[in-house]
C-alpha atoms as a PDB file:
ATOM      1  CA  MET A   1       0.000   0.000   0.000  1.00  0.00           C
ATOM      2  CA  THR A   2       1.163   3.535  -0.761  1.00  0.00           C
ATOM      3  CA  ILE A   3       0.368   7.005   0.490  1.00  0.00           C
ATOM      4  CA  THR A   4       0.758  10.296  -1.379  1.00  0.00           C
ATOM      5  CA  VAL A   5       2.625  13.052   0.448  1.00  0.00           C
ATOM      6  CA  ASP A   6       3.970  16.496  -0.314  1.00  0.00           C
ATOM      7  CA  PRO A   7       7.753  16.145  -0.830  1.00  0.00           C
ATOM      8  CA  SER A   8       8.330  19.210   1.363  1.00  0.00           C
ATOM      9  CA  HIS A   9       6.492  17.489   4.241  1.00  0.00           C
ATOM     10  CA  ALA A  10       8.664  14.392   3.902  1.00  0.00           C
ATOM     11  CA  LYS A  11      11.754  16.601   3.734  1.00  0.00           C
ATOM     12  CA  ASN A  12      10.806  18.365   6.970  1.00  0.00           C
ATOM     13  CA  LEU A  13      10.358  15.013   8.703  1.00  0.00           C
ATOM     14  CA  VAL A  14      13.851  13.962   7.586  1.00  0.00           C
ATOM     15  CA  ILE A  15      15.338  17.217   8.875  1.00  0.00           C
ATOM     16  CA  SER A  16      13.567  16.808  12.209  1.00  0.00           C
ATOM     17  CA  SER A  17      14.726  13.193  12.523  1.00  0.00           C
ATOM     18  CA  LEU A  18      18.362  14.141  11.990  1.00  0.00           C
ATOM     19  CA  GLU A  19      18.383  17.278  14.135  1.00  0.00           C
ATOM     20  CA  GLN A  20      17.115  15.327  17.134  1.00  0.00           C
ATOM     21  CA  HIS A  21      20.358  13.350  17.063  1.00  0.00           C
ATOM     22  CA  GLY A  22      22.819  16.225  16.849  1.00  0.00           C
ATOM     23  CA  VAL A  23      22.960  16.814  13.106  1.00  0.00           C
ATOM     24  CA  SER A  24      23.277  20.520  12.377  1.00  0.00           C
ATOM     25  CA  HIS A  25      20.417  22.170  10.505  1.00  0.00           C
ATOM     26  CA  VAL A  26      22.612  22.875   7.490  1.00  0.00           C
ATOM     27  CA  ASN A  27      23.748  19.260   7.274  1.00  0.00           C
ATOM     28  CA  ALA A  28      20.284  17.847   7.988  1.00  0.00           C
ATOM     29  CA  THR A  29      18.844  19.965   5.186  1.00  0.00           C
ATOM     30  CA  SER A  30      21.572  18.833   2.787  1.00  0.00           C
ATOM     31  CA  VAL A  31      20.906  15.169   3.593  1.00  0.00           C
ATOM     32  CA  ALA A  32      17.144  15.640   3.323  1.00  0.00           C
ATOM     33  CA  ASN A  33      17.410  17.322  -0.089  1.00  0.00           C
ATOM     34  CA  ALA A  34      19.362  14.349  -1.450  1.00  0.00           C
ATOM     35  CA  LEU A  35      17.166  11.628   0.076  1.00  0.00           C
ATOM     36  CA  ILE A  36      13.908  13.194  -1.059  1.00  0.00           C
ATOM     37  CA  GLN A  37      15.258  13.820  -4.559  1.00  0.00           C
ATOM     38  CA  ALA A  38      16.203  10.139  -4.764  1.00  0.00           C
ATOM     39  CA  GLU A  39      12.622   9.203  -3.877  1.00  0.00           C
ATOM     40  CA  ILE A  40      11.258  11.652  -6.458  1.00  0.00           C
ATOM     41  CA  ASP A  41      13.601  10.203  -9.084  1.00  0.00           C
ATOM     42  CA  GLY A  42      12.490   6.635  -8.375  1.00  0.00           C
ATOM     43  CA  GLN A  43      15.710   5.594  -6.615  1.00  0.00           C
ATOM     44  CA  PRO A  44      14.489   4.475  -3.168  1.00  0.00           C
ATOM     45  CA  ALA A  45      17.685   2.521  -2.509  1.00  0.00           C
ATOM     46  CA  HIS A  46      19.368   5.934  -2.186  1.00  0.00           C
ATOM     47  CA  GLY A  47      16.369   7.520  -0.500  1.00  0.00           C
ATOM     48  CA  LEU A  48      14.506   7.245   2.771  1.00  0.00           C
ATOM     49  CA  SER A  49      15.563   3.630   3.273  1.00  0.00           C
ATOM     50  CA  ARG A  50      18.959   5.064   4.287  1.00  0.00           C
ATOM     51  CA  LEU A  51      17.710   7.364   7.033  1.00  0.00           C
ATOM     52  CA  ALA A  52      17.561   4.931   9.962  1.00  0.00           C
ATOM     53  CA  ALA A  53      21.125   3.732   9.290  1.00  0.00           C
ATOM     54  CA  TYR A  54      22.328   7.333   8.992  1.00  0.00           C
ATOM     55  CA  ILE A  55      20.824   8.153  12.373  1.00  0.00           C
ATOM     56  CA  ASP A  56      22.276   5.043  14.017  1.00  0.00           C
ATOM     57  CA  GLN A  57      25.717   5.979  12.705  1.00  0.00           C
ATOM     58  CA  VAL A  58      25.418   9.533  14.023  1.00  0.00           C
ATOM     59  CA  LYS A  59      24.374   8.187  17.423  1.00  0.00           C
ATOM     60  CA  CYS A  60      27.405   5.896  17.674  1.00  0.00           C
ATOM     61  CA  GLY A  61      29.833   8.526  16.349  1.00  0.00           C
ATOM     62  CA  LYS A  62      30.549   6.837  13.034  1.00  0.00           C
ATOM     63  CA  VAL A  63      29.262   9.971  11.266  1.00  0.00           C
ATOM     64  CA  VAL A  64      29.961  13.437  12.674  1.00  0.00           C
ATOM     65  CA  GLY A  65      26.575  15.125  12.468  1.00  0.00           C
ATOM     66  CA  ASP A  66      27.784  18.707  12.822  1.00  0.00           C
ATOM     67  CA  ALA A  67      30.910  18.411  10.666  1.00  0.00           C
ATOM     68  CA  THR A  68      31.833  21.386   8.492  1.00  0.00           C
ATOM     69  CA  PRO A  69      33.619  20.435   5.243  1.00  0.00           C
ATOM     70  CA  ARG A  70      37.053  22.018   4.859  1.00  0.00           C
ATOM     71  CA  ILE A  71      38.090  23.393   1.461  1.00  0.00           C
ATOM     72  CA  ASP A  72      41.633  23.631   0.072  1.00  0.00           C
ATOM     73  CA  ILE A  73      42.377  25.100  -3.380  1.00  0.00           C
ATOM     74  CA  PRO A  74      46.077  24.367  -4.068  1.00  0.00           C
ATOM     75  CA  LYS A  75      45.848  25.304  -7.757  1.00  0.00           C
ATOM     76  CA  PRO A  76      43.366  27.377  -9.795  1.00  0.00           C
ATOM     77  CA  SER A  77      41.783  24.255 -11.285  1.00  0.00           C
ATOM     78  CA  VAL A  78      42.032  21.908  -8.289  1.00  0.00           C
ATOM     79  CA  CYS A  79      39.868  21.759  -5.187  1.00  0.00           C
ATOM     80  CA  HIS A  80      40.263  19.349  -2.246  1.00  0.00           C
ATOM     81  CA  VAL A  81      37.340  18.862   0.120  1.00  0.00           C
ATOM     82  CA  ASN A  82      37.787  17.232   3.521  1.00  0.00           C
ATOM     83  CA  ALA A  83      34.343  15.973   4.565  1.00  0.00           C
ATOM     84  CA  GLU A  84      35.638  15.733   8.147  1.00  0.00           C
ATOM     85  CA  LEU A  85      33.989  12.316   8.622  1.00  0.00           C
ATOM     86  CA  GLY A  86      30.547  13.870   8.261  1.00  0.00           C
ATOM     87  CA  PHE A  87      27.847  13.203   5.701  1.00  0.00           C
ATOM     88  CA  ALA A  88      28.970  13.409   2.088  1.00  0.00           C
ATOM     89  CA  PHE A  89      26.151  15.700   0.988  1.00  0.00           C
ATOM     90  CA  PRO A  90      27.379  18.947   2.612  1.00  0.00           C
ATOM     91  CA  ALA A  91      30.838  18.313   1.141  1.00  0.00           C
ATOM     92  CA  MET A  92      29.315  17.742  -2.282  1.00  0.00           C
ATOM     93  CA  ASP A  93      27.217  20.901  -1.921  1.00  0.00           C
ATOM     94  CA  LYS A  94      30.404  22.900  -1.349  1.00  0.00           C
ATOM     95  CA  LEU A  95      32.042  21.265  -4.345  1.00  0.00           C
ATOM     96  CA  VAL A  96      29.052  21.853  -6.629  1.00  0.00           C
ATOM     97  CA  SER A  97      29.014  25.525  -5.662  1.00  0.00           C
ATOM     98  CA  LEU A  98      32.728  26.004  -6.446  1.00  0.00           C
ATOM     99  CA  LEU A  99      33.731  23.753  -9.317  1.00  0.00           C
ATOM    100  CA  PRO A 100      31.750  25.134 -12.300  1.00  0.00           C
ATOM    101  CA  ALA A 101      33.239  28.614 -11.896  1.00  0.00           C
ATOM    102  CA  MET A 102      36.720  27.097 -11.651  1.00  0.00           C
ATOM    103  CA  ALA A 103      36.112  25.083 -14.817  1.00  0.00           C
ATOM    104  CA  LYS A 104      34.856  28.112 -16.728  1.00  0.00           C
ATOM    105  CA  ALA A 105      37.928  30.071 -15.684  1.00  0.00           C
ATOM    106  CA  GLN A 106      40.440  27.307 -16.473  1.00  0.00           C
ATOM    107  CA  GLY A 107      38.593  25.190 -19.055  1.00  0.00           C
ATOM    108  CA  ILE A 108      38.584  22.136 -16.800  1.00  0.00           C
ATOM    109  CA  ALA A 109      38.646  21.619 -13.026  1.00  0.00           C
ATOM    110  CA  LEU A 110      39.072  18.693 -10.649  1.00  0.00           C
ATOM    111  CA  ALA A 111      37.705  18.275  -7.139  1.00  0.00           C
ATOM    112  CA  THR A 112      38.573  15.466  -4.758  1.00  0.00           C
ATOM    113  CA  VAL A 113      36.677  14.585  -1.597  1.00  0.00           C
ATOM    114  CA  TYR A 114      38.067  12.455   1.201  1.00  0.00           C
ATOM    115  CA  ARG A 115      37.066  11.322   4.724  1.00  0.00           C
ATOM    116  CA  SER A 116      33.553  11.057   3.295  1.00  0.00           C
ATOM    117  CA  HIS A 117      30.482   8.827   3.427  1.00  0.00           C
ATOM    118  CA  HIS A 118      27.704   7.573   1.117  1.00  0.00           C
ATOM    119  CA  PHE A 119      26.861  10.324  -1.397  1.00  0.00           C
ATOM    120  CA  GLY A 120      23.615   8.893  -2.744  1.00  0.00           C
ATOM    121  CA  GLN A 121      22.771   9.275  -6.410  1.00  0.00           C
ATOM    122  CA  ALA A 122      25.932  10.197  -8.282  1.00  0.00           C
ATOM    123  CA  GLY A 123      23.740  11.764 -10.951  1.00  0.00           C
ATOM    124  CA  PHE A 124      22.200  14.144  -8.400  1.00  0.00           C
ATOM    125  CA  HIS A 125      25.539  15.911  -8.054  1.00  0.00           C
ATOM    126  CA  ALA A 126      26.486  15.680 -11.733  1.00  0.00           C
ATOM    127  CA  GLU A 127      23.191  17.209 -12.821  1.00  0.00           C
ATOM    128  CA  ARG A 128      23.637  20.203 -10.527  1.00  0.00           C
ATOM    129  CA  ILE A 129      26.992  20.928 -12.157  1.00  0.00           C
ATOM    130  CA  ALA A 130      25.461  20.577 -15.630  1.00  0.00           C
ATOM    131  CA  LYS A 131      22.721  23.033 -14.669  1.00  0.00           C
ATOM    132  CA  GLN A 132      25.528  25.559 -14.187  1.00  0.00           C
ATOM    133  CA  GLY A 133      26.700  25.020 -17.763  1.00  0.00           C
ATOM    134  CA  CYS A 134      29.471  22.442 -17.368  1.00  0.00           C
ATOM    135  CA  ILE A 135      29.951  18.821 -18.349  1.00  0.00           C
ATOM    136  CA  ALA A 136      30.390  16.711 -15.216  1.00  0.00           C
ATOM    137  CA  LEU A 137      32.090  13.388 -14.557  1.00  0.00           C
ATOM    138  CA  ILE A 138      31.770  11.897 -11.068  1.00  0.00           C
ATOM    139  CA  PHE A 139      33.414   8.851  -9.501  1.00  0.00           C
ATOM    140  CA  SER A 140      33.080   7.389  -6.020  1.00  0.00           C
ATOM    141  CA  ASN A 141      34.227   4.295  -4.237  1.00  0.00           C
ATOM    142  CA  SER A 142      32.183   2.583  -1.534  1.00  0.00           C
ATOM    143  CA  PRO A 143      32.649  -0.253   0.978  1.00  0.00           C
ATOM    144  CA  GLN A 144      33.785  -3.564  -0.495  1.00  0.00           C
ATOM    145  CA  ALA A 145      31.127  -5.299  -2.560  1.00  0.00           C
ATOM    146  CA  ILE A 146      32.668  -6.548  -5.844  1.00  0.00           C
ATOM    147  CA  ALA A 147      35.387  -9.170  -6.200  1.00  0.00           C
ATOM    148  CA  PRO A 148      38.138  -8.810  -8.802  1.00  0.00           C
ATOM    149  CA  TRP A 149      37.234 -10.829 -11.881  1.00  0.00           C
ATOM    150  CA  GLY A 150      38.017 -14.484 -11.260  1.00  0.00           C
ATOM    151  CA  GLY A 151      37.804 -14.145  -7.473  1.00  0.00           C
ATOM    152  CA  PHE A 152      34.936 -14.137  -4.991  1.00  0.00           C
ATOM    153  CA  LYS A 153      36.231 -11.998  -2.107  1.00  0.00           C
ATOM    154  CA  PRO A 154      35.088  -8.358  -2.487  1.00  0.00           C
ATOM    155  CA  ILE A 155      37.869  -5.808  -2.944  1.00  0.00           C
ATOM    156  CA  PHE A 156      36.139  -2.981  -4.839  1.00  0.00           C
ATOM    157  CA  GLY A 157      32.977  -1.088  -4.020  1.00  0.00           C
ATOM    158  CA  THR A 158      30.005  -0.871  -6.349  1.00  0.00           C
ATOM    159  CA  ASN A 159      31.827   2.331  -7.340  1.00  0.00           C
ATOM    160  CA  PRO A 160      29.200   4.506  -9.034  1.00  0.00           C
ATOM    161  CA  ILE A 161      29.987   6.775 -11.943  1.00  0.00           C
ATOM    162  CA  ALA A 162      27.903   9.580 -13.385  1.00  0.00           C
ATOM    163  CA  PHE A 163      28.022  11.886 -16.373  1.00  0.00           C
ATOM    164  CA  SER A 164      25.896  14.928 -17.079  1.00  0.00           C
ATOM    165  CA  VAL A 165      25.909  17.416 -19.944  1.00  0.00           C
ATOM    166  CA  PRO A 166      23.964  20.692 -20.206  1.00  0.00           C
ATOM    167  CA  ARG A 167      21.404  21.170 -22.970  1.00  0.00           C
ATOM    168  CA  GLU A 168      19.662  24.189 -24.383  1.00  0.00           C
ATOM    169  CA  ASN A 169      15.907  24.275 -23.723  1.00  0.00           C
ATOM    170  CA  ALA A 170      15.924  20.873 -22.026  1.00  0.00           C
ATOM    171  CA  PRO A 171      17.036  19.378 -18.706  1.00  0.00           C
ATOM    172  CA  PRO A 172      20.631  18.099 -18.643  1.00  0.00           C
ATOM    173  CA  LEU A 173      21.310  14.595 -19.892  1.00  0.00           C
ATOM    174  CA  VAL A 174      22.288  12.423 -16.927  1.00  0.00           C
ATOM    175  CA  ILE A 175      23.893   8.974 -17.024  1.00  0.00           C
ATOM    176  CA  ASP A 176      24.211   7.394 -13.584  1.00  0.00           C
ATOM    177  CA  MET A 177      25.174   3.820 -12.799  1.00  0.00           C
ATOM    178  CA  SER A 178      26.948   1.638 -10.311  1.00  0.00           C
ATOM    179  CA  LEU A 179      29.460  -0.873 -11.628  1.00  0.00           C
ATOM    180  CA  SER A 180      27.650  -3.796 -10.086  1.00  0.00           C
ATOM    181  CA  LYS A 181      24.752  -5.150 -12.145  1.00  0.00           C
ATOM    182  CA  VAL A 182      22.510  -3.395  -9.627  1.00  0.00           C
ATOM    183  CA  ALA A 183      23.230  -1.043  -6.751  1.00  0.00           C
ATOM    184  CA  ARG A 184      23.952  -2.902  -3.503  1.00  0.00           C
ATOM    185  CA  GLY A 185      21.208  -0.835  -1.915  1.00  0.00           C
ATOM    186  CA  LYS A 186      18.683  -2.831  -3.944  1.00  0.00           C
ATOM    187  CA  VAL A 187      19.881  -6.041  -2.303  1.00  0.00           C
ATOM    188  CA  LEU A 188      19.564  -4.424   1.119  1.00  0.00           C
ATOM    189  CA  LEU A 189      16.087  -3.212   0.217  1.00  0.00           C
ATOM    190  CA  ALA A 190      15.147  -6.758  -0.871  1.00  0.00           C
ATOM    191  CA  ARG A 191      16.396  -8.124   2.457  1.00  0.00           C
ATOM    192  CA  LYS A 192      14.442  -5.486   4.354  1.00  0.00           C
ATOM    193  CA  GLN A 193      11.260  -6.349   2.429  1.00  0.00           C
ATOM    194  CA  GLY A 194      11.788 -10.120   2.608  1.00  0.00           C
ATOM    195  CA  ASP A 195      12.165 -10.519  -1.162  1.00  0.00           C
ATOM    196  CA  LEU A 196      14.437 -12.743  -3.231  1.00  0.00           C
ATOM    197  CA  ILE A 197      16.819 -11.273  -5.798  1.00  0.00           C
ATOM    198  CA  PRO A 198      17.550 -12.401  -9.384  1.00  0.00           C
ATOM    199  CA  GLU A 199      20.370 -14.947  -9.454  1.00  0.00           C
ATOM    200  CA  ASP A 200      22.513 -12.861 -11.809  1.00  0.00           C
ATOM    201  CA  TRP A 201      22.913 -10.048  -9.257  1.00  0.00           C
ATOM    202  CA  ALA A 202      25.364 -11.655  -6.833  1.00  0.00           C
ATOM    203  CA  ILE A 203      27.325 -14.692  -5.691  1.00  0.00           C
ATOM    204  CA  ASN A 204      27.634 -16.141  -2.190  1.00  0.00           C
ATOM    205  CA  ASP A 205      30.892 -16.378  -0.242  1.00  0.00           C
ATOM    206  CA  GLN A 206      31.765 -19.563  -2.131  1.00  0.00           C
ATOM    207  CA  GLY A 207      31.364 -17.926  -5.545  1.00  0.00           C
ATOM    208  CA  VAL A 208      27.985 -19.533  -6.350  1.00  0.00           C
ATOM    209  CA  PRO A 209      25.094 -17.443  -7.757  1.00  0.00           C
ATOM    210  CA  THR A 210      22.385 -16.831  -5.142  1.00  0.00           C
ATOM    211  CA  THR A 211      18.851 -15.430  -4.903  1.00  0.00           C
ATOM    212  CA  ASP A 212      19.115 -14.973  -1.113  1.00  0.00           C
ATOM    213  CA  PRO A 213      19.912 -11.311  -0.293  1.00  0.00           C
ATOM    214  CA  ASN A 214      21.538 -12.332   3.016  1.00  0.00           C
ATOM    215  CA  LYS A 215      23.972 -14.661   1.240  1.00  0.00           C
ATOM    216  CA  ALA A 216      24.547 -12.050  -1.446  1.00  0.00           C
ATOM    217  CA  LEU A 217      25.552  -9.475   1.162  1.00  0.00           C
ATOM    218  CA  LYS A 218      28.064 -11.940   2.620  1.00  0.00           C
ATOM    219  CA  GLY A 219      29.415 -12.717  -0.853  1.00  0.00           C
ATOM    220  CA  SER A 220      30.019 -10.440  -3.816  1.00  0.00           C
ATOM    221  CA  MET A 221      27.951  -8.350  -6.174  1.00  0.00           C
ATOM    222  CA  LEU A 222      28.552  -9.190  -9.836  1.00  0.00           C
ATOM    223  CA  PRO A 223      29.977  -6.419 -12.030  1.00  0.00           C
ATOM    224  CA  ILE A 224      28.350  -5.132 -15.178  1.00  0.00           C
ATOM    225  CA  GLY A 225      30.031  -6.518 -18.258  1.00  0.00           C
ATOM    226  CA  ASP A 226      31.875  -9.217 -16.292  1.00  0.00           C
ATOM    227  CA  ALA A 227      35.661  -8.672 -16.553  1.00  0.00           C
ATOM    228  CA  LYS A 228      35.187  -5.245 -18.189  1.00  0.00           C
ATOM    229  CA  GLY A 229      33.044  -4.048 -15.314  1.00  0.00           C
ATOM    230  CA  ALA A 230      35.561  -5.306 -12.766  1.00  0.00           C
ATOM    231  CA  SER A 231      38.278  -3.347 -14.575  1.00  0.00           C
ATOM    232  CA  LEU A 232      36.125  -0.213 -14.500  1.00  0.00           C
ATOM    233  CA  ALA A 233      35.635  -0.736 -10.760  1.00  0.00           C
ATOM    234  CA  LEU A 234      39.413  -0.813 -10.377  1.00  0.00           C
ATOM    235  CA  MET A 235      39.704   2.421 -12.367  1.00  0.00           C
ATOM    236  CA  VAL A 236      37.137   4.141 -10.144  1.00  0.00           C
ATOM    237  CA  GLU A 237      38.858   2.822  -7.007  1.00  0.00           C
ATOM    238  CA  ILE A 238      42.088   4.496  -8.132  1.00  0.00           C
ATOM    239  CA  LEU A 239      40.377   7.789  -9.012  1.00  0.00           C
ATOM    240  CA  SER A 240      38.286   7.859  -5.838  1.00  0.00           C
ATOM    241  CA  ALA A 241      40.667   6.516  -3.210  1.00  0.00           C
ATOM    242  CA  THR A 242      44.275   6.465  -4.410  1.00  0.00           C
ATOM    243  CA  LEU A 243      44.035   9.934  -5.952  1.00  0.00           C
ATOM    244  CA  THR A 244      42.109  11.480  -3.048  1.00  0.00           C
ATOM    245  CA  GLY A 245      43.898   9.774  -0.155  1.00  0.00           C
ATOM    246  CA  ALA A 246      40.655   8.145   1.010  1.00  0.00           C
ATOM    247  CA  ASN A 247      40.115   4.615   2.285  1.00  0.00           C
ATOM    248  CA  TYR A 248      40.014   1.834  -0.253  1.00  0.00           C
ATOM    249  CA  ALA A 249      36.786  -0.157  -0.419  1.00  0.00           C
ATOM    250  CA  PHE A 250      38.329  -3.061   1.506  1.00  0.00           C
ATOM    251  CA  GLU A 251      39.429  -0.629   4.248  1.00  0.00           C
ATOM    252  CA  ALA A 252      36.049   1.095   4.585  1.00  0.00           C
ATOM    253  CA  SER A 253      33.351   0.056   7.028  1.00  0.00           C
ATOM    254  CA  SER A 254      29.724  -0.432   6.025  1.00  0.00           C
ATOM    255  CA  PHE A 255      27.387   2.441   5.215  1.00  0.00           C
ATOM    256  CA  PHE A 256      24.575   0.502   6.865  1.00  0.00           C
ATOM    257  CA  SER A 257      25.839  -0.750  10.233  1.00  0.00           C
ATOM    258  CA  THR A 258      27.356   0.803  13.342  1.00  0.00           C
ATOM    259  CA  ASP A 259      30.328  -1.576  13.219  1.00  0.00           C
ATOM    260  CA  GLY A 260      33.806  -0.159  12.729  1.00  0.00           C
ATOM    261  CA  GLY A 261      35.013   3.387  12.354  1.00  0.00           C
ATOM    262  CA  ALA A 262      33.992   5.962   9.786  1.00  0.00           C
ATOM    263  CA  PRO A 263      34.001   4.657   6.179  1.00  0.00           C
ATOM    264  CA  ALA A 264      36.190   7.624   5.122  1.00  0.00           C
ATOM    265  CA  ILE A 265      35.776   6.891   1.405  1.00  0.00           C
ATOM    266  CA  GLY A 266      36.410   9.307  -1.477  1.00  0.00           C
ATOM    267  CA  HIS A 267      34.937  10.927  -4.563  1.00  0.00           C
ATOM    268  CA  SER A 268      36.469  12.640  -7.588  1.00  0.00           C
ATOM    269  CA  VAL A 269      34.633  15.164  -9.741  1.00  0.00           C
ATOM    270  CA  ILE A 270      35.697  16.650 -13.068  1.00  0.00           C
ATOM    271  CA  ALA A 271      33.939  19.674 -14.556  1.00  0.00           C
ATOM    272  CA  ILE A 272      34.550  20.738 -18.158  1.00  0.00           C
ATOM    273  CA  ASP A 273      33.554  23.981 -19.846  1.00  0.00           C
ATOM    274  CA  PRO A 274      31.860  22.879 -23.116  1.00  0.00           C
ATOM    275  CA  SER A 275      32.742  26.165 -24.791  1.00  0.00           C
ATOM    276  CA  LEU A 276      36.247  24.742 -25.166  1.00  0.00           C
ATOM    277  CA  SER A 277      34.970  23.139 -28.374  1.00  0.00           C
ATOM    278  CA  GLY A 278      33.718  26.430 -29.770  1.00  0.00           C
ATOM    279  CA  SER A 279      30.254  27.922 -30.088  1.00  0.00           C
ATOM    280  CA  HIS A 280      28.546  24.934 -31.714  1.00  0.00           C
ATOM    281  CA  PHE A 281      28.627  22.451 -28.844  1.00  0.00           C
ATOM    282  CA  ALA A 282      24.928  22.687 -27.975  1.00  0.00           C
ATOM    283  CA  GLU A 283      23.849  22.443 -31.614  1.00  0.00           C
ATOM    284  CA  ARG A 284      26.080  19.443 -32.307  1.00  0.00           C
ATOM    285  CA  LEU A 285      24.895  17.737 -29.134  1.00  0.00           C
ATOM    286  CA  GLU A 286      21.267  17.975 -30.216  1.00  0.00           C
ATOM    287  CA  GLN A 287      22.160  16.588 -33.652  1.00  0.00           C
ATOM    288  CA  LEU A 288      23.521  13.500 -31.914  1.00  0.00           C
ATOM    289  CA  PHE A 289      20.399  13.098 -29.796  1.00  0.00           C
ATOM    290  CA  ILE A 290      18.101  13.537 -32.804  1.00  0.00           C
ATOM    291  CA  ALA A 291      20.010  10.878 -34.735  1.00  0.00           C
ATOM    292  CA  MET A 292      19.635   8.494 -31.790  1.00  0.00           C
ATOM    293  CA  CYS A 293      15.942   9.085 -31.202  1.00  0.00           C
ATOM    294  CA  GLU A 294      14.969   8.748 -34.855  1.00  0.00           C
ATOM    295  CA  GLN A 295      15.187   5.006 -34.251  1.00  0.00           C
ATOM    296  CA  GLN A 296      11.992   3.486 -32.895  1.00  0.00           C
ATOM    297  CA  GLY A 297      12.340   2.355 -29.295  1.00  0.00           C
ATOM    298  CA  VAL A 298      15.326   4.569 -28.483  1.00  0.00           C
ATOM    299  CA  ARG A 299      15.122   7.102 -25.674  1.00  0.00           C
ATOM    300  CA  LEU A 300      17.762   9.225 -24.022  1.00  0.00           C
ATOM    301  CA  PRO A 301      19.063   8.042 -20.639  1.00  0.00           C
ATOM    302  CA  GLY A 302      17.183   9.642 -17.767  1.00  0.00           C
ATOM    303  CA  THR A 303      13.934  10.209 -19.673  1.00  0.00           C
ATOM    304  CA  LYS A 304      11.908   8.209 -17.148  1.00  0.00           C
ATOM    305  CA  ARG A 305      13.377  10.292 -14.331  1.00  0.00           C
ATOM    306  CA  ILE A 306      12.192  13.532 -15.941  1.00  0.00           C
ATOM    307  CA  VAL A 307       8.697  12.136 -16.502  1.00  0.00           C
ATOM    308  CA  ARG A 308       8.532  10.947 -12.910  1.00  0.00           C
ATOM    309  CA  ARG A 309       9.584  14.360 -11.594  1.00  0.00           C
ATOM    310  CA  GLU A 310       6.819  16.034 -13.559  1.00  0.00           C
ATOM    311  CA  ARG A 311       4.281  13.559 -12.173  1.00  0.00           C
ATOM    312  CA  VAL A 312       5.426  14.116  -8.585  1.00  0.00           C
ATOM    313  CA  LEU A 313       5.169  17.874  -9.119  1.00  0.00           C
ATOM    314  CA  ARG A 314       1.558  17.439 -10.250  1.00  0.00           C
ATOM    315  CA  GLU A 315       0.370  14.665  -7.954  1.00  0.00           C
ATOM    316  CA  GLY A 316       2.725  14.435  -4.985  1.00  0.00           C
ATOM    317  CA  LEU A 317       5.217  11.797  -3.903  1.00  0.00           C
ATOM    318  CA  GLN A 318       4.072   8.230  -3.405  1.00  0.00           C
ATOM    319  CA  LEU A 319       5.692   6.391  -0.504  1.00  0.00           C
ATOM    320  CA  THR A 320       4.864   2.993   0.935  1.00  0.00           C
ATOM    321  CA  ASN A 321       2.952   2.973   4.204  1.00  0.00           C
ATOM    322  CA  ALA A 322       5.904   1.197   5.810  1.00  0.00           C
ATOM    323  CA  THR A 323       8.306   3.930   4.686  1.00  0.00           C
ATOM    324  CA  MET A 324       6.008   6.667   5.961  1.00  0.00           C
ATOM    325  CA  ASP A 325       5.463   4.883   9.276  1.00  0.00           C
ATOM    326  CA  GLU A 326       9.217   4.577   9.757  1.00  0.00           C
ATOM    327  CA  LEU A 327       9.761   8.214   8.828  1.00  0.00           C
ATOM    328  CA  ASN A 328       7.118   9.401  11.281  1.00  0.00           C
ATOM    329  CA  ALA A 329       8.556   7.198  14.016  1.00  0.00           C
ATOM    330  CA  LEU A 330      12.047   8.619  13.456  1.00  0.00           C
ATOM    331  CA  ALA A 331      10.762  12.201  13.411  1.00  0.00           C
ATOM    332  CA  HIS A 332       8.496  11.732  16.464  1.00  0.00           C
ATOM    333  CA  PRO A 333      10.210   9.076  18.608  1.00  0.00           C
ATOM    334  CA  ASN A 334       8.334   9.974  21.820  1.00  0.00           C
ATOM    335  CA  LYS A 335       4.873  10.336  20.301  1.00  0.00           C
ATOM    336  CA  ASN A 336       3.563   6.925  21.383  1.00  0.00           C
ATOM    337  CA  GLN A 337       5.406   6.685  24.675  1.00  0.00           C
END
């Protein structure tokens, strides 16, 4: 069963839930913006299903709720962001506010983030950079989930990547994907809901395909494209951890439990000024998209997301009763006592 709510109401409940446990208002608002946008975009694995774990990790000190990201700009086109073991979203907000102007001044700019946490939809951050007129490439590592090809012990994270490009008279194109066949959050969501998973999503700790989400979480997610996907995961691990000085996936603790210290993972973001190619970038881009969409059955990546956003704007956000009950309980913990 589902219930329709105003997204702003759900956002306020998230903010209230976090503030009650020592998260600053600025950080709580940043987290809430990202979680609610994930729900609007049809990505619940990066949405409200994360809130309870976030709060538990603040309570045990694994996430610093009132952390203020620290910015260092060693070169005109390079920005380092220390998330200070807080939530990733405030650090990414700082980065998104700085990087496009740096890219437009220098042609291209790089930002690295370290001592960070789960940053939700990679495309959420890439799109915000594209809305400021720059091409964006985003990479992040995450706690160990994917084994190197040929093995079955996880070494890499699901290591999401995202790309976004600005368009004239249309929302930015956004490509967002993890390098596992599905995001690990979907396996966790299946476990939470008591569902099985398709057998091509993961293997157990003996390397055998499994439909049991519990065994999958103890084993390894399977990469997209088999060996090619595992190689891409390695590439992202280097860009996100080696380059930034963050923890590798196999050194990072879980985003979902209170076990261990802070995950302290990393992200890398590249912003490119499209005017580098001259004044015809936008026109040439649309020629490419037209050529693609002339074929029956072809649609641009992210089209469903845009349609869903428009529907939510008209009709409100649909959440399951269970999700809304949990959200209300987190926001009003003493209501029934």
